[in-house]
Protein backbone atom coordinates (compact mmCIF):
# COMPACT_ATOMS: atom_id res chain seq x y z
CA MET A 1 38.27 152.14 201.89
CA GLU A 2 35.28 154.18 200.24
CA LYS A 3 35.57 154.17 196.20
CA GLU A 4 35.48 158.21 196.10
CA ASN A 5 38.61 158.07 198.00
CA SER A 6 40.65 155.46 196.18
CA LYS A 7 43.12 156.50 193.37
CA VAL A 8 45.08 153.80 191.45
CA ALA A 9 48.82 153.58 190.52
CA THR A 10 50.49 151.22 188.28
CA VAL A 11 53.96 150.25 188.17
CA GLY A 12 56.49 147.43 187.01
CA GLY A 13 59.38 146.45 188.91
CA GLY A 14 60.57 142.91 187.44
CA CYS A 15 58.24 140.28 188.75
CA PHE A 16 54.88 141.21 189.94
CA TRP A 17 54.82 138.77 192.74
CA CYS A 18 57.42 140.93 194.31
CA THR A 19 56.12 144.16 193.94
CA GLU A 20 52.72 142.98 195.08
CA ALA A 21 54.06 141.27 198.13
CA VAL A 22 55.67 144.97 198.89
CA PHE A 23 52.55 147.21 198.11
CA GLN A 24 50.42 144.52 199.90
CA GLU A 25 52.38 145.68 203.28
CA VAL A 26 51.93 149.45 202.93
CA LYS A 27 49.28 151.53 205.06
CA GLY A 28 46.46 153.11 202.69
CA ILE A 29 46.57 150.48 200.13
CA SER A 30 43.50 148.64 199.98
CA LEU A 31 44.22 146.42 196.90
CA VAL A 32 47.06 145.29 194.85
CA VAL A 33 46.36 143.46 191.64
CA SER A 34 48.94 141.95 189.31
CA GLY A 35 48.49 142.27 185.74
CA TYR A 36 49.70 143.36 182.33
CA THR A 37 50.28 146.65 180.11
CA GLY A 38 52.63 148.56 177.53
CA GLY A 39 52.44 145.93 175.22
CA THR A 40 51.27 145.70 171.52
CA ALA A 41 49.99 142.34 170.81
CA PRO A 42 46.27 142.41 170.31
CA GLY A 43 43.79 140.64 173.01
CA ARG A 44 44.14 139.33 176.23
CA PRO A 45 47.62 138.36 176.66
CA THR A 46 48.40 135.25 178.84
CA TYR A 47 51.39 134.67 181.33
CA ARG A 48 53.14 132.17 178.90
CA GLU A 49 52.73 135.08 176.00
CA ILE A 50 54.23 137.63 178.02
CA CYS A 51 57.03 135.33 179.39
CA SER A 52 58.16 134.70 176.01
CA GLY A 53 58.99 138.41 175.70
CA LEU A 54 57.01 138.54 172.34
CA THR A 55 53.91 141.11 173.34
CA GLY A 56 55.66 143.89 174.84
CA HIS A 57 53.46 143.68 177.94
CA ALA A 58 55.43 144.28 181.16
CA GLU A 59 54.44 142.47 184.38
CA VAL A 60 53.02 145.39 186.79
CA VAL A 61 50.72 145.70 189.70
CA GLN A 62 48.05 148.24 189.90
CA ILE A 63 47.82 149.72 193.52
CA THR A 64 44.61 151.21 194.76
CA TYR A 65 45.15 153.61 197.53
CA ASN A 66 43.83 156.07 199.51
CA PRO A 67 45.46 159.49 198.92
CA THR A 68 44.80 160.59 202.54
CA ILE A 69 46.71 158.08 203.80
CA ILE A 70 49.66 157.68 201.29
CA SER A 71 50.44 159.83 198.81
CA TYR A 72 51.26 158.97 194.71
CA ALA A 73 54.90 160.47 195.55
CA ASP A 74 55.47 157.99 198.53
CA ILE A 75 53.83 154.94 196.54
CA LEU A 76 56.64 155.92 193.69
CA LEU A 77 59.43 156.20 196.43
CA ILE A 78 58.69 152.88 198.07
CA PHE A 79 58.58 151.45 194.20
CA MET A 80 61.74 152.84 193.39
CA THR A 81 63.71 151.66 196.60
CA THR A 82 62.66 148.11 196.91
CA HIS A 83 63.59 147.01 193.42
CA ASP A 84 66.87 147.71 191.14
CA PRO A 85 65.96 150.73 188.99
CA THR A 86 69.04 150.67 186.86
CA THR A 87 68.96 147.19 185.41
CA LEU A 88 67.15 147.60 181.94
CA ASN A 89 64.76 144.77 181.26
CA ARG A 90 66.10 142.76 184.39
CA GLN A 91 65.37 142.32 188.03
CA GLY A 92 67.55 139.42 189.56
CA ALA A 93 67.60 136.37 187.29
CA ASP A 94 64.46 137.40 185.53
CA ALA A 95 65.57 139.24 182.25
CA GLY A 96 63.53 140.31 179.30
CA THR A 97 61.15 143.52 178.16
CA GLN A 98 58.42 142.03 180.58
CA TYR A 99 60.63 142.53 183.65
CA ARG A 100 61.42 146.26 182.83
CA SER A 101 61.11 149.11 185.59
CA VAL A 102 58.42 151.30 184.66
CA ILE A 103 55.93 154.01 185.81
CA TYR A 104 52.60 153.99 184.09
CA PHE A 105 50.87 157.48 184.50
CA LYS A 106 47.25 158.40 183.88
CA ASN A 107 47.66 162.19 183.68
CA GLU A 108 50.32 165.13 183.37
CA GLU A 109 50.47 165.54 187.03
CA GLU A 110 51.38 161.80 187.74
CA GLU A 111 53.87 162.08 184.97
CA LYS A 112 55.63 165.02 186.61
CA ILE A 113 55.78 163.26 190.08
CA ALA A 114 57.05 160.25 188.55
CA LYS A 115 59.85 162.28 187.01
CA THR A 116 60.41 164.26 190.06
CA ILE A 117 60.88 161.25 192.06
CA ILE A 118 63.42 159.90 189.85
CA LYS A 119 65.43 162.86 189.48
CA GLU A 120 65.44 163.08 193.41
CA ILE A 121 66.58 159.32 193.83
CA THR A 122 69.11 159.07 191.03
CA PRO A 123 71.73 160.48 193.17
CA TYR A 124 71.71 157.55 195.61
CA TYR A 125 72.42 154.98 192.92
CA GLN A 126 75.95 154.29 191.28
CA ASN A 127 74.71 153.44 187.97
CA PRO A 128 72.03 155.29 185.90
CA VAL A 129 68.36 155.02 186.72
CA VAL A 130 66.48 153.47 183.55
CA THR A 131 62.77 153.31 184.79
CA GLU A 132 60.52 154.07 181.99
CA VAL A 133 57.80 156.58 182.55
CA SER A 134 54.80 156.10 180.10
CA ALA A 135 51.22 156.83 179.65
CA LEU A 136 48.99 153.71 180.99
CA GLY A 137 47.20 152.02 178.20
CA VAL A 138 45.09 148.82 178.69
CA PHE A 139 45.53 146.56 181.66
CA TYR A 140 44.91 143.11 181.99
CA GLU A 141 44.40 141.33 185.35
CA ALA A 142 46.93 138.76 185.62
CA GLU A 143 45.82 135.05 186.13
CA VAL A 144 44.10 133.94 189.57
CA ASP A 145 47.38 131.91 190.32
CA HIS A 146 49.57 135.10 190.18
CA GLN A 147 47.37 136.97 192.64
CA ASP A 148 48.46 136.89 196.26
CA TYR A 149 51.19 134.93 195.40
CA TYR A 150 53.30 135.74 198.33
CA LYS A 151 50.88 135.46 200.72
CA ASN A 152 49.64 131.70 199.17
CA ASN A 153 53.38 130.46 198.49
CA THR A 154 55.29 131.92 201.41
CA GLU A 155 57.56 129.17 201.84
CA SER A 156 58.54 128.43 198.22
CA GLY A 157 61.86 128.90 197.70
CA TYR A 158 61.77 131.86 195.46
CA CYS A 159 59.51 133.72 197.76
CA GLN A 160 62.40 133.06 200.86
CA VAL A 161 65.41 133.85 198.16
CA VAL A 162 63.81 136.85 196.26
CA ILE A 163 60.84 138.27 198.13
CA ASN A 164 61.78 137.95 201.75
CA PRO A 165 64.76 140.05 201.04
CA LYS A 166 62.47 143.10 199.37
CA LEU A 167 60.23 142.84 202.36
CA ALA A 168 63.26 143.17 204.41
CA LYS A 169 64.36 146.25 202.91
CA LEU A 170 60.99 147.77 202.67
CA ARG A 171 60.71 147.27 206.65
CA LYS A 172 64.17 149.18 206.82
CA LEU A 173 63.79 152.15 204.57
CA HIS A 174 60.02 152.62 205.09
CA GLY A 175 58.94 150.85 208.31
CA ASP A 176 56.45 154.25 209.35
CA LYS A 177 54.47 153.67 206.12
CA LEU A 178 53.67 149.91 206.95
CA LYS A 179 50.33 148.35 208.22
CA SER A 180 50.66 147.10 211.96
């Protein structure tokens, strides 16, 4: 994908391993990088610091995509339907502000699209959607052992029990948007 055709979206849906695995399957996405943003602690945070919940950062992924193949709205729709946007600061067994559901925007257009997608999907959930919509701050790339986690650990218990069901949901709901 040529650089001038690329855009970047940043979302957090709990553990970044799950969100990364989902978006690595989607057509038009050339790169998914796990990382951290949204915190107030000074300096580059580490995974251990993030897990303490004291830095204010969220586990997120930055998604590089080609908008002529997949739209920002479609990325957000996939995001909102492959994690639980109704649980505050929790995804499954992972609890804490670092696991919050969040969409980070870079401009007013992205903010408007995010709020529209949330409004559109809200009626499909029994509980209120609590996904945060915030301006993107500094993004810190996570340590190398957190990149391509699912691809490198497919047989691990976590991947089998937590990530595989999310991928199955992705295939069921968005099969037409997946890489072949």
